[in-house]
Amino acid sequence: SLIGNLMLTWFARNAIESETRRAIILGLCVYDAIGFVVTLIAQIAGVLGPLGWFAMAIYLFFAIGFGYFLLPQKKVA
């Protein structure tokens, strides 16, 4: 799935502001938020080792990052 995300974001990197770009950002934000929650549950349950915290931090970082880009941006006059 990470390779799929890489390809999606690479090919859409120069996309103009549109509903399609916003849908891609929303999808990736939801994906990373779900990944964070699942990894957190697995880490707390003891399924993952110490590197599980690192995976969880990566999911959280990207969820917050994509969430930031979903916020309305101020237009520069």
PDB file of N, CA and C in Angstrom:
ATOM      1  N   SER A   1       0.824  -1.200   0.000  1.00  0.00           N
ATOM      2  CA  SER A   1       0.000   0.000   0.000  1.00  0.00           C
ATOM      3  C   SER A   1       0.863   1.257   0.000  1.00  0.00           C
ATOM      4  N   LEU A   2       2.049   1.177   0.614  1.00  0.00           N
ATOM      5  CA  LEU A   2       2.912   2.349   0.615  1.00  0.00           C
ATOM      6  C   LEU A   2       3.431   2.670  -0.785  1.00  0.00           C
ATOM      7  N   ILE A   3       3.669   1.650  -1.592  1.00  0.00           N
ATOM      8  CA  ILE A   3       4.087   1.895  -2.971  1.00  0.00           C
ATOM      9  C   ILE A   3       2.939   2.523  -3.758  1.00  0.00           C
ATOM     10  N   GLY A   4       1.718   2.092  -3.503  1.00  0.00           N
ATOM     11  CA  GLY A   4       0.553   2.706  -4.143  1.00  0.00           C
ATOM     12  C   GLY A   4       0.402   4.165  -3.760  1.00  0.00           C
ATOM     13  N   ASN A   5       0.618   4.462  -2.479  1.00  0.00           N
ATOM     14  CA  ASN A   5       0.556   5.861  -2.037  1.00  0.00           C
ATOM     15  C   ASN A   5       1.663   6.681  -2.678  1.00  0.00           C
ATOM     16  N   LEU A   6       2.848   6.095  -2.793  1.00  0.00           N
ATOM     17  CA  LEU A   6       3.964   6.772  -3.441  1.00  0.00           C
ATOM     18  C   LEU A   6       3.610   7.118  -4.881  1.00  0.00           C
ATOM     19  N   MET A   7       3.099   6.161  -5.620  1.00  0.00           N
ATOM     20  CA  MET A   7       2.756   6.399  -7.020  1.00  0.00           C
ATOM     21  C   MET A   7       1.645   7.440  -7.144  1.00  0.00           C
ATOM     22  N   LEU A   8       0.639   7.358  -6.301  1.00  0.00           N
ATOM     23  CA  LEU A   8      -0.467   8.313  -6.340  1.00  0.00           C
ATOM     24  C   LEU A   8       0.017   9.729  -6.087  1.00  0.00           C
ATOM     25  N   THR A   9       0.807   9.914  -5.065  1.00  0.00           N
ATOM     26  CA  THR A   9       1.270  11.262  -4.739  1.00  0.00           C
ATOM     27  C   THR A   9       2.303  11.753  -5.758  1.00  0.00           C
ATOM     28  N   TRP A  10       3.115  10.858  -6.303  1.00  0.00           N
ATOM     29  CA  TRP A  10       4.117  11.279  -7.290  1.00  0.00           C
ATOM     30  C   TRP A  10       3.451  11.768  -8.571  1.00  0.00           C
ATOM     31  N   PHE A  11       2.475  11.016  -9.068  1.00  0.00           N
ATOM     32  CA  PHE A  11       1.820  11.399 -10.316  1.00  0.00           C
ATOM     33  C   PHE A  11       0.884  12.589 -10.143  1.00  0.00           C
ATOM     34  N   ALA A  12       0.426  12.852  -8.931  1.00  0.00           N
ATOM     35  CA  ALA A  12      -0.477  13.988  -8.688  1.00  0.00           C
ATOM     36  C   ALA A  12       0.257  15.201  -8.120  1.00  0.00           C
ATOM     37  N   ARG A  13       1.576  15.171  -8.096  1.00  0.00           N
ATOM     38  CA  ARG A  13       2.337  16.236  -7.434  1.00  0.00           C
ATOM     39  C   ARG A  13       2.160  17.600  -8.080  1.00  0.00           C
ATOM     40  N   ASN A  14       1.899  17.671  -9.378  1.00  0.00           N
ATOM     41  CA  ASN A  14       1.752  18.949 -10.064  1.00  0.00           C
ATOM     42  C   ASN A  14       0.292  19.285 -10.375  1.00  0.00           C
ATOM     43  N   ALA A  15      -0.623  18.600  -9.731  1.00  0.00           N
ATOM     44  CA  ALA A  15      -2.046  18.829  -9.999  1.00  0.00           C
ATOM     45  C   ALA A  15      -2.463  20.212  -9.512  1.00  0.00           C
ATOM     46  N   ILE A  16      -3.305  20.855 -10.297  1.00  0.00           N
ATOM     47  CA  ILE A  16      -3.815  22.164  -9.901  1.00  0.00           C
ATOM     48  C   ILE A  16      -4.882  21.990  -8.831  1.00  0.00           C
ATOM     49  N   GLU A  17      -5.218  23.074  -8.161  1.00  0.00           N
ATOM     50  CA  GLU A  17      -6.256  23.039  -7.124  1.00  0.00           C
ATOM     51  C   GLU A  17      -7.566  22.592  -7.763  1.00  0.00           C
ATOM     52  N   SER A  18      -8.080  21.452  -7.311  1.00  0.00           N
ATOM     53  CA  SER A  18      -9.315  20.911  -7.878  1.00  0.00           C
ATOM     54  C   SER A  18      -9.963  19.971  -6.872  1.00  0.00           C
ATOM     55  N   GLU A  19     -11.161  19.542  -7.212  1.00  0.00           N
ATOM     56  CA  GLU A  19     -11.863  18.570  -6.372  1.00  0.00           C
ATOM     57  C   GLU A  19     -11.118  17.237  -6.363  1.00  0.00           C
ATOM     58  N   THR A  20     -10.499  16.888  -7.467  1.00  0.00           N
ATOM     59  CA  THR A  20      -9.742  15.633  -7.540  1.00  0.00           C
ATOM     60  C   THR A  20      -8.564  15.652  -6.584  1.00  0.00           C
ATOM     61  N   ARG A  21      -7.819  16.749  -6.576  1.00  0.00           N
ATOM     62  CA  ARG A  21      -6.679  16.852  -5.667  1.00  0.00           C
ATOM     63  C   ARG A  21      -7.137  16.817  -4.221  1.00  0.00           C
ATOM     64  N   ARG A  22      -8.243  17.495  -3.933  1.00  0.00           N
ATOM     65  CA  ARG A  22      -8.782  17.484  -2.568  1.00  0.00           C
ATOM     66  C   ARG A  22      -9.231  16.075  -2.169  1.00  0.00           C
ATOM     67  N   ALA A  23      -9.812  15.326  -3.110  1.00  0.00           N
ATOM     68  CA  ALA A  23     -10.234  13.944  -2.826  1.00  0.00           C
ATOM     69  C   ALA A  23      -9.030  13.050  -2.546  1.00  0.00           C
ATOM     70  N   ILE A  24      -7.942  13.246  -3.283  1.00  0.00           N
ATOM     71  CA  ILE A  24      -6.723  12.475  -3.040  1.00  0.00           C
ATOM     72  C   ILE A  24      -6.185  12.773  -1.643  1.00  0.00           C
ATOM     73  N   ILE A  25      -6.132  14.047  -1.284  1.00  0.00           N
ATOM     74  CA  ILE A  25      -5.626  14.441   0.037  1.00  0.00           C
ATOM     75  C   ILE A  25      -6.515  13.881   1.144  1.00  0.00           C
ATOM     76  N   LEU A  26      -7.835  13.960   0.955  1.00  0.00           N
ATOM     77  CA  LEU A  26      -8.760  13.426   1.959  1.00  0.00           C
ATOM     78  C   LEU A  26      -8.585  11.920   2.113  1.00  0.00           C
ATOM     79  N   GLY A  27      -8.469  11.210   0.993  1.00  0.00           N
ATOM     80  CA  GLY A  27      -8.285   9.759   1.041  1.00  0.00           C
ATOM     81  C   GLY A  27      -7.005   9.373   1.763  1.00  0.00           C
ATOM     82  N   LEU A  28      -5.925  10.078   1.489  1.00  0.00           N
ATOM     83  CA  LEU A  28      -4.656   9.783   2.147  1.00  0.00           C
ATOM     84  C   LEU A  28      -4.690  10.146   3.626  1.00  0.00           C
ATOM     85  N   CYS A  29      -5.403  11.216   3.974  1.00  0.00           N
ATOM     86  CA  CYS A  29      -5.536  11.594   5.390  1.00  0.00           C
ATOM     87  C   CYS A  29      -6.302  10.514   6.166  1.00  0.00           C
ATOM     88  N   VAL A  30      -7.405  10.045   5.585  1.00  0.00           N
ATOM     89  CA  VAL A  30      -8.190   8.995   6.238  1.00  0.00           C
ATOM     90  C   VAL A  30      -7.383   7.701   6.332  1.00  0.00           C
ATOM     91  N   TYR A  31      -6.682   7.351   5.264  1.00  0.00           N
ATOM     92  CA  TYR A  31      -5.842   6.148   5.260  1.00  0.00           C
ATOM     93  C   TYR A  31      -4.803   6.198   6.380  1.00  0.00           C
ATOM     94  N   ASP A  32      -4.121   7.339   6.507  1.00  0.00           N
ATOM     95  CA  ASP A  32      -3.082   7.452   7.530  1.00  0.00           C
ATOM     96  C   ASP A  32      -3.673   7.515   8.936  1.00  0.00           C
ATOM     97  N   ALA A  33      -4.838   8.127   9.082  1.00  0.00           N
ATOM     98  CA  ALA A  33      -5.487   8.165  10.401  1.00  0.00           C
ATOM     99  C   ALA A  33      -5.895   6.753  10.841  1.00  0.00           C
ATOM    100  N   ILE A  34      -6.447   5.977   9.918  1.00  0.00           N
ATOM    101  CA  ILE A  34      -6.815   4.593  10.237  1.00  0.00           C
ATOM    102  C   ILE A  34      -5.560   3.775  10.532  1.00  0.00           C
ATOM    103  N   GLY A  35      -4.507   3.970   9.745  1.00  0.00           N
ATOM    104  CA  GLY A  35      -3.244   3.272   9.993  1.00  0.00           C
ATOM    105  C   GLY A  35      -2.688   3.603  11.367  1.00  0.00           C
ATOM    106  N   PHE A  36      -2.804   4.867  11.770  1.00  0.00           N
ATOM    107  CA  PHE A  36      -2.348   5.271  13.098  1.00  0.00           C
ATOM    108  C   PHE A  36      -3.124   4.543  14.191  1.00  0.00           C
ATOM    109  N   VAL A  37      -4.441   4.528  14.078  1.00  0.00           N
ATOM    110  CA  VAL A  37      -5.277   3.893  15.111  1.00  0.00           C
ATOM    111  C   VAL A  37      -4.997   2.394  15.192  1.00  0.00           C
ATOM    112  N   VAL A  38      -4.914   1.740  14.040  1.00  0.00           N
ATOM    113  CA  VAL A  38      -4.653   0.293  14.029  1.00  0.00           C
ATOM    114  C   VAL A  38      -3.276  -0.015  14.610  1.00  0.00           C
ATOM    115  N   THR A  39      -2.279   0.782  14.240  1.00  0.00           N
ATOM    116  CA  THR A  39      -0.930   0.565  14.764  1.00  0.00           C
ATOM    117  C   THR A  39      -0.874   0.841  16.262  1.00  0.00           C
ATOM    118  N   LEU A  40      -1.594   1.863  16.713  1.00  0.00           N
ATOM    119  CA  LEU A  40      -1.649   2.162  18.142  1.00  0.00           C
ATOM    120  C   LEU A  40      -2.269   1.003  18.921  1.00  0.00           C
ATOM    121  N   ILE A  41      -3.367   0.466  18.413  1.00  0.00           N
ATOM    122  CA  ILE A  41      -4.017  -0.664  19.085  1.00  0.00           C
ATOM    123  C   ILE A  41      -3.083  -1.873  19.118  1.00  0.00           C
ATOM    124  N   ALA A  42      -2.412  -2.151  17.989  1.00  0.00           N
ATOM    125  CA  ALA A  42      -1.482  -3.281  17.944  1.00  0.00           C
ATOM    126  C   ALA A  42      -0.301  -3.073  18.889  1.00  0.00           C
ATOM    127  N   GLN A  43       0.165  -1.844  18.992  1.00  0.00           N
ATOM    128  CA  GLN A  43       1.294  -1.550  19.879  1.00  0.00           C
ATOM    129  C   GLN A  43       0.893  -1.723  21.342  1.00  0.00           C
ATOM    130  N   ILE A  44      -0.269  -1.217  21.695  1.00  0.00           N
ATOM    131  CA  ILE A  44      -0.740  -1.342  23.082  1.00  0.00           C
ATOM    132  C   ILE A  44      -1.011  -2.800  23.441  1.00  0.00           C
ATOM    133  N   ALA A  45      -1.500  -3.572  22.461  1.00  0.00           N
ATOM    134  CA  ALA A  45      -1.787  -4.994  22.710  1.00  0.00           C
ATOM    135  C   ALA A  45      -0.519  -5.839  22.764  1.00  0.00           C
ATOM    136  N   GLY A  46       0.614  -5.257  22.426  1.00  0.00           N
ATOM    137  CA  GLY A  46       1.864  -5.990  22.490  1.00  0.00           C
ATOM    138  C   GLY A  46       2.185  -6.810  21.253  1.00  0.00           C
ATOM    139  N   VAL A  47       1.453  -6.578  20.174  1.00  0.00           N
ATOM    140  CA  VAL A  47       1.679  -7.329  18.936  1.00  0.00           C
ATOM    141  C   VAL A  47       2.973  -6.873  18.266  1.00  0.00           C
ATOM    142  N   LEU A  48       3.245  -5.594  18.327  1.00  0.00           N
ATOM    143  CA  LEU A  48       4.438  -5.030  17.692  1.00  0.00           C
ATOM    144  C   LEU A  48       5.539  -4.838  18.721  1.00  0.00           C
ATOM    145  N   GLY A  49       6.748  -4.825  18.236  1.00  0.00           N
ATOM    146  CA  GLY A  49       7.886  -4.575  19.123  1.00  0.00           C
ATOM    147  C   GLY A  49       8.134  -3.073  19.254  1.00  0.00           C
ATOM    148  N   PRO A  50       9.316  -2.723  19.709  1.00  0.00           N
ATOM    149  CA  PRO A  50       9.645  -1.309  19.903  1.00  0.00           C
ATOM    150  C   PRO A  50       9.583  -0.472  18.622  1.00  0.00           C
ATOM    151  N   LEU A  51       9.818  -1.076  17.460  1.00  0.00           N
ATOM    152  CA  LEU A  51       9.745  -0.320  16.212  1.00  0.00           C
ATOM    153  C   LEU A  51       8.304   0.021  15.823  1.00  0.00           C
ATOM    154  N   GLY A  52       7.344  -0.575  16.499  1.00  0.00           N
ATOM    155  CA  GLY A  52       5.947  -0.240  16.251  1.00  0.00           C
ATOM    156  C   GLY A  52       5.643   1.213  16.571  1.00  0.00           C
ATOM    157  N   TRP A  53       6.347   1.769  17.556  1.00  0.00           N
ATOM    158  CA  TRP A  53       6.155   3.188  17.895  1.00  0.00           C
ATOM    159  C   TRP A  53       6.588   4.071  16.729  1.00  0.00           C
ATOM    160  N   PHE A  54       7.637   3.660  16.028  1.00  0.00           N
ATOM    161  CA  PHE A  54       8.118   4.419  14.888  1.00  0.00           C
ATOM    162  C   PHE A  54       7.089   4.397  13.752  1.00  0.00           C
ATOM    163  N   ALA A  55       6.528   3.240  13.473  1.00  0.00           N
ATOM    164  CA  ALA A  55       5.496   3.127  12.441  1.00  0.00           C
ATOM    165  C   ALA A  55       4.279   3.966  12.805  1.00  0.00           C
ATOM    166  N   MET A  56       3.915   3.937  14.065  1.00  0.00           N
ATOM    167  CA  MET A  56       2.785   4.733  14.524  1.00  0.00           C
ATOM    168  C   MET A  56       3.058   6.224  14.354  1.00  0.00           C
ATOM    169  N   ALA A  57       4.285   6.654  14.656  1.00  0.00           N
ATOM    170  CA  ALA A  57       4.648   8.066  14.511  1.00  0.00           C
ATOM    171  C   ALA A  57       4.608   8.498  13.046  1.00  0.00           C
ATOM    172  N   ILE A  58       5.001   7.619  12.148  1.00  0.00           N
ATOM    173  CA  ILE A  58       4.957   7.947  10.719  1.00  0.00           C
ATOM    174  C   ILE A  58       3.512   8.141  10.265  1.00  0.00           C
ATOM    175  N   TYR A  59       2.627   7.220  10.648  1.00  0.00           N
ATOM    176  CA  TYR A  59       1.208   7.367  10.296  1.00  0.00           C
ATOM    177  C   TYR A  59       0.640   8.668  10.870  1.00  0.00           C
ATOM    178  N   LEU A  60       0.973   8.978  12.105  1.00  0.00           N
ATOM    179  CA  LEU A  60       0.479  10.204  12.729  1.00  0.00           C
ATOM    180  C   LEU A  60       1.009  11.436  12.003  1.00  0.00           C
ATOM    181  N   PHE A  61       2.289  11.437  11.665  1.00  0.00           N
ATOM    182  CA  PHE A  61       2.901  12.557  10.953  1.00  0.00           C
ATOM    183  C   PHE A  61       2.174  12.828   9.634  1.00  0.00           C
ATOM    184  N   PHE A  62       1.938  11.782   8.854  1.00  0.00           N
ATOM    185  CA  PHE A  62       1.285  11.976   7.561  1.00  0.00           C
ATOM    186  C   PHE A  62      -0.194  12.322   7.713  1.00  0.00           C
ATOM    187  N   ALA A  63      -0.879  11.764   8.701  1.00  0.00           N
ATOM    188  CA  ALA A  63      -2.282  12.125   8.924  1.00  0.00           C
ATOM    189  C   ALA A  63      -2.402  13.598   9.270  1.00  0.00           C
ATOM    190  N   ILE A  64      -1.535  14.093  10.132  1.00  0.00           N
ATOM    191  CA  ILE A  64      -1.564  15.514  10.478  1.00  0.00           C
ATOM    192  C   ILE A  64      -1.175  16.365   9.268  1.00  0.00           C
ATOM    193  N   GLY A  65      -0.183  15.926   8.523  1.00  0.00           N
ATOM    194  CA  GLY A  65       0.249  16.674   7.343  1.00  0.00           C
ATOM    195  C   GLY A  65      -0.844  16.794   6.303  1.00  0.00           C
ATOM    196  N   PHE A  66      -1.493  15.685   5.955  1.00  0.00           N
ATOM    197  CA  PHE A  66      -2.573  15.747   4.978  1.00  0.00           C
ATOM    198  C   PHE A  66      -3.777  16.494   5.545  1.00  0.00           C
ATOM    199  N   GLY A  67      -4.011  16.373   6.852  1.00  0.00           N
ATOM    200  CA  GLY A  67      -5.085  17.141   7.477  1.00  0.00           C
ATOM    201  C   GLY A  67      -4.842  18.631   7.377  1.00  0.00           C
ATOM    202  N   TYR A  68      -3.592  19.034   7.495  1.00  0.00           N
ATOM    203  CA  TYR A  68      -3.255  20.449   7.358  1.00  0.00           C
ATOM    204  C   TYR A  68      -3.629  20.970   5.970  1.00  0.00           C
ATOM    205  N   PHE A  69      -3.359  20.167   4.942  1.00  0.00           N
ATOM    206  CA  PHE A  69      -3.668  20.597   3.585  1.00  0.00           C
ATOM    207  C   PHE A  69      -5.158  20.562   3.280  1.00  0.00           C
ATOM    208  N   LEU A  70      -5.950  19.949   4.146  1.00  0.00           N
ATOM    209  CA  LEU A  70      -7.401  19.983   3.973  1.00  0.00           C
ATOM    210  C   LEU A  70      -8.011  21.266   4.531  1.00  0.00           C
ATOM    211  N   LEU A  71      -7.270  21.957   5.397  1.00  0.00           N
ATOM    212  CA  LEU A  71      -7.774  23.202   5.958  1.00  0.00           C
ATOM    213  C   LEU A  71      -7.895  24.247   4.852  1.00  0.00           C
ATOM    214  N   PRO A  72      -8.886  25.139   4.957  1.00  0.00           N
ATOM    215  CA  PRO A  72      -9.008  26.190   3.942  1.00  0.00           C
ATOM    216  C   PRO A  72      -7.778  27.102   3.964  1.00  0.00           C
ATOM    217  N   GLN A  73      -7.244  27.353   2.788  1.00  0.00           N
ATOM    218  CA  GLN A  73      -6.063  28.215   2.670  1.00  0.00           C
ATOM    219  C   GLN A  73      -6.513  29.639   2.395  1.00  0.00           C
ATOM    220  N   LYS A  74      -5.821  30.605   2.998  1.00  0.00           N
ATOM    221  CA  LYS A  74      -6.128  32.007   2.743  1.00  0.00           C
ATOM    222  C   LYS A  74      -5.635  32.388   1.355  1.00  0.00           C
ATOM    223  N   LYS A  75      -6.468  33.115   0.643  1.00  0.00           N
ATOM    224  CA  LYS A  75      -6.100  33.585  -0.689  1.00  0.00           C
ATOM    225  C   LYS A  75      -5.279  34.847  -0.576  1.00  0.00           C
ATOM    226  N   VAL A  76      -4.161  34.875  -1.281  1.00  0.00           N
ATOM    227  CA  VAL A  76      -3.309  36.062  -1.287  1.00  0.00           C
ATOM    228  C   VAL A  76      -3.822  36.983  -2.390  1.00  0.00           C
ATOM    229  N   ALA A  77      -4.044  38.240  -2.024  1.00  0.00           N
ATOM    230  CA  ALA A  77      -4.620  39.190  -2.995  1.00  0.00           C
ATOM    231  C   ALA A  77      -3.658  39.628  -4.035  1.00  0.00           C
TER     232      ALA A  77
END
